[in-house]
Amino acid sequence: MRDRRTARRRWLALGVNVLLGIPAVVPVWLLWYLASNWPLAALGLTDREPTENDGVLPWFIVAGPVVLAFGLLWWSANRPLRRGTNLPPARYWALGALAMLLPTLVLVVVSDV
């Protein structure tokens, strides 16, 4: 009976993280835009957006609160779920992050088709 309850909690945690991944598309995109226009462009790995000439500070002002708010939401939703799964904490948080990124990865794959 206990194994069945643990399995349900694991599936619940997976479902919650995938559902949280839908609004996570916005902060993930903001972080990618920030990274691709400044540090990765400085290293020559990406091309900078030609119209992006305001600098990095406005992006920190816009993206910072969005990423922070989503991070707090994701953490507060996963904290009680982690206790019921009997997974080691590092494994739970890694799997939760991968499940949360799943909708973004699906959008990336679909956009290339």
C-alpha atoms as a PDB file:
ATOM      1  CA  MET A   1       0.000   0.000   0.000  1.00  0.00           C
ATOM      2  CA  ARG A   2       2.841   2.379   0.859  1.00  0.00           C
ATOM      3  CA  ASP A   3       4.571   1.692  -2.479  1.00  0.00           C
ATOM      4  CA  ARG A   4       1.378   2.537  -4.336  1.00  0.00           C
ATOM      5  CA  ARG A   5       1.096   5.839  -2.472  1.00  0.00           C
ATOM      6  CA  THR A   6       4.733   6.678  -3.211  1.00  0.00           C
ATOM      7  CA  ALA A   7       4.228   5.887  -6.910  1.00  0.00           C
ATOM      8  CA  ARG A   8       1.181   8.172  -7.020  1.00  0.00           C
ATOM      9  CA  ARG A   9       3.145  10.963  -5.390  1.00  0.00           C
ATOM     10  CA  ARG A  10       5.923  10.564  -7.942  1.00  0.00           C
ATOM     11  CA  TRP A  11       3.427  10.808 -10.812  1.00  0.00           C
ATOM     12  CA  LEU A  12       1.818  13.813  -9.121  1.00  0.00           C
ATOM     13  CA  ALA A  13       5.214  15.510  -8.823  1.00  0.00           C
ATOM     14  CA  LEU A  14       5.924  14.791 -12.487  1.00  0.00           C
ATOM     15  CA  GLY A  15       2.537  16.171 -13.545  1.00  0.00           C
ATOM     16  CA  VAL A  16       2.914  19.306 -11.445  1.00  0.00           C
ATOM     17  CA  ASN A  17       6.348  20.000 -12.920  1.00  0.00           C
ATOM     18  CA  VAL A  18       5.173  19.480 -16.494  1.00  0.00           C
ATOM     19  CA  LEU A  19       2.203  21.798 -15.873  1.00  0.00           C
ATOM     20  CA  LEU A  20       4.510  24.388 -14.308  1.00  0.00           C
ATOM     21  CA  GLY A  21       6.621  24.086 -17.435  1.00  0.00           C
ATOM     22  CA  ILE A  22       3.895  25.745 -19.503  1.00  0.00           C
ATOM     23  CA  PRO A  23       4.292  29.180 -17.864  1.00  0.00           C
ATOM     24  CA  ALA A  24       8.032  28.475 -17.504  1.00  0.00           C
ATOM     25  CA  VAL A  25       8.384  29.066 -21.244  1.00  0.00           C
ATOM     26  CA  VAL A  26       8.457  32.825 -20.544  1.00  0.00           C
ATOM     27  CA  PRO A  27      11.329  32.909 -17.996  1.00  0.00           C
ATOM     28  CA  VAL A  28      13.290  30.310 -19.967  1.00  0.00           C
ATOM     29  CA  TRP A  29      12.952  32.448 -23.110  1.00  0.00           C
ATOM     30  CA  LEU A  30      13.985  35.577 -21.199  1.00  0.00           C
ATOM     31  CA  LEU A  31      17.090  33.820 -19.872  1.00  0.00           C
ATOM     32  CA  TRP A  32      17.964  32.515 -23.352  1.00  0.00           C
ATOM     33  CA  TYR A  33      17.537  35.969 -24.901  1.00  0.00           C
ATOM     34  CA  LEU A  34      19.738  37.524 -22.234  1.00  0.00           C
ATOM     35  CA  ALA A  35      22.419  34.841 -22.574  1.00  0.00           C
ATOM     36  CA  SER A  36      22.410  34.782 -26.371  1.00  0.00           C
ATOM     37  CA  ASN A  37      22.741  38.558 -26.732  1.00  0.00           C
ATOM     38  CA  TRP A  38      25.509  39.199 -24.221  1.00  0.00           C
ATOM     39  CA  PRO A  39      27.793  36.455 -22.857  1.00  0.00           C
ATOM     40  CA  LEU A  40      27.315  33.956 -25.690  1.00  0.00           C
ATOM     41  CA  ALA A  41      27.583  36.692 -28.338  1.00  0.00           C
ATOM     42  CA  ALA A  42      30.759  37.997 -26.683  1.00  0.00           C
ATOM     43  CA  LEU A  43      32.235  34.500 -26.955  1.00  0.00           C
ATOM     44  CA  GLY A  44      31.213  34.320 -30.632  1.00  0.00           C
ATOM     45  CA  LEU A  45      28.773  31.429 -30.113  1.00  0.00           C
ATOM     46  CA  THR A  46      25.667  33.398 -31.154  1.00  0.00           C
ATOM     47  CA  ASP A  47      24.886  36.555 -33.088  1.00  0.00           C
ATOM     48  CA  ARG A  48      23.667  39.594 -31.203  1.00  0.00           C
ATOM     49  CA  GLU A  49      20.222  40.986 -32.084  1.00  0.00           C
ATOM     50  CA  PRO A  50      20.975  43.979 -34.348  1.00  0.00           C
ATOM     51  CA  THR A  51      18.355  46.238 -32.731  1.00  0.00           C
ATOM     52  CA  GLU A  52      19.461  45.436 -29.179  1.00  0.00           C
ATOM     53  CA  ASN A  53      21.442  48.518 -28.176  1.00  0.00           C
ATOM     54  CA  ASP A  54      19.983  49.427 -24.763  1.00  0.00           C
ATOM     55  CA  GLY A  55      22.452  47.338 -22.813  1.00  0.00           C
ATOM     56  CA  VAL A  56      21.879  44.604 -20.291  1.00  0.00           C
ATOM     57  CA  LEU A  57      20.407  46.630 -17.392  1.00  0.00           C
ATOM     58  CA  PRO A  58      16.856  46.922 -18.800  1.00  0.00           C
ATOM     59  CA  TRP A  59      16.812  43.172 -19.295  1.00  0.00           C
ATOM     60  CA  PHE A  60      17.807  42.586 -15.684  1.00  0.00           C
ATOM     61  CA  ILE A  61      15.021  44.931 -14.606  1.00  0.00           C
ATOM     62  CA  VAL A  62      12.459  43.112 -16.783  1.00  0.00           C
ATOM     63  CA  ALA A  63      13.673  39.522 -16.580  1.00  0.00           C
ATOM     64  CA  GLY A  64      14.888  39.552 -12.992  1.00  0.00           C
ATOM     65  CA  PRO A  65      11.491  39.787 -11.261  1.00  0.00           C
ATOM     66  CA  VAL A  66       9.862  37.363 -13.729  1.00  0.00           C
ATOM     67  CA  VAL A  67      12.548  34.710 -13.270  1.00  0.00           C
ATOM     68  CA  LEU A  68      12.636  35.236  -9.502  1.00  0.00           C
ATOM     69  CA  ALA A  69       8.829  34.995  -9.165  1.00  0.00           C
ATOM     70  CA  PHE A  70       8.694  31.815 -11.237  1.00  0.00           C
ATOM     71  CA  GLY A  71      11.622  30.298  -9.349  1.00  0.00           C
ATOM     72  CA  LEU A  72       9.884  30.919  -6.031  1.00  0.00           C
ATOM     73  CA  LEU A  73       6.622  29.479  -7.374  1.00  0.00           C
ATOM     74  CA  TRP A  74       8.383  26.367  -8.694  1.00  0.00           C
ATOM     75  CA  TRP A  75      10.334  25.858  -5.473  1.00  0.00           C
ATOM     76  CA  SER A  76       7.293  26.349  -3.224  1.00  0.00           C
ATOM     77  CA  ALA A  77       5.236  23.906  -5.304  1.00  0.00           C
ATOM     78  CA  ASN A  78       7.969  21.247  -5.301  1.00  0.00           C
ATOM     79  CA  ARG A  79       9.106  21.495  -1.708  1.00  0.00           C
ATOM     80  CA  PRO A  80       6.126  19.608  -0.190  1.00  0.00           C
ATOM     81  CA  LEU A  81       6.009  17.163  -3.121  1.00  0.00           C
ATOM     82  CA  ARG A  82       9.651  16.135  -2.674  1.00  0.00           C
ATOM     83  CA  ARG A  83       9.078  14.758   0.804  1.00  0.00           C
ATOM     84  CA  GLY A  84       6.522  12.216  -0.393  1.00  0.00           C
ATOM     85  CA  THR A  85       8.525  10.712  -3.237  1.00  0.00           C
ATOM     86  CA  ASN A  86      11.336   8.951  -1.317  1.00  0.00           C
ATOM     87  CA  LEU A  87      13.835  10.096  -3.971  1.00  0.00           C
ATOM     88  CA  PRO A  88      17.185  11.575  -2.968  1.00  0.00           C
ATOM     89  CA  PRO A  89      16.901  15.392  -2.994  1.00  0.00           C
ATOM     90  CA  ALA A  90      19.446  15.941  -5.778  1.00  0.00           C
ATOM     91  CA  ARG A  91      17.720  13.423  -8.052  1.00  0.00           C
ATOM     92  CA  TYR A  92      14.268  14.859  -7.320  1.00  0.00           C
ATOM     93  CA  TRP A  93      15.284  18.443  -8.102  1.00  0.00           C
ATOM     94  CA  ALA A  94      17.135  17.405 -11.284  1.00  0.00           C
ATOM     95  CA  LEU A  95      14.162  15.379 -12.538  1.00  0.00           C
ATOM     96  CA  GLY A  96      11.795  18.187 -11.558  1.00  0.00           C
ATOM     97  CA  ALA A  97      13.836  20.705 -13.530  1.00  0.00           C
ATOM     98  CA  LEU A  98      13.922  18.412 -16.581  1.00  0.00           C
ATOM     99  CA  ALA A  99      10.160  17.846 -16.370  1.00  0.00           C
ATOM    100  CA  MET A 100       9.629  21.602 -16.075  1.00  0.00           C
ATOM    101  CA  LEU A 101      11.724  22.191 -19.206  1.00  0.00           C
ATOM    102  CA  LEU A 102       9.776  19.608 -21.230  1.00  0.00           C
ATOM    103  CA  PRO A 103       7.156  22.051 -22.653  1.00  0.00           C
ATOM    104  CA  THR A 104       9.918  24.451 -23.727  1.00  0.00           C
ATOM    105  CA  LEU A 105      11.809  21.619 -25.443  1.00  0.00           C
ATOM    106  CA  VAL A 106       8.619  20.527 -27.215  1.00  0.00           C
ATOM    107  CA  LEU A 107       8.105  24.094 -28.485  1.00  0.00           C
ATOM    108  CA  VAL A 108      11.705  24.239 -29.718  1.00  0.00           C
ATOM    109  CA  VAL A 109      11.333  20.959 -31.614  1.00  0.00           C
ATOM    110  CA  VAL A 110       7.937  21.887 -33.058  1.00  0.00           C
ATOM    111  CA  SER A 111       9.159  25.328 -34.153  1.00  0.00           C
ATOM    112  CA  ASP A 112      11.862  23.740 -36.312  1.00  0.00           C
ATOM    113  CA  VAL A 113       9.377  21.589 -38.215  1.00  0.00           C
END
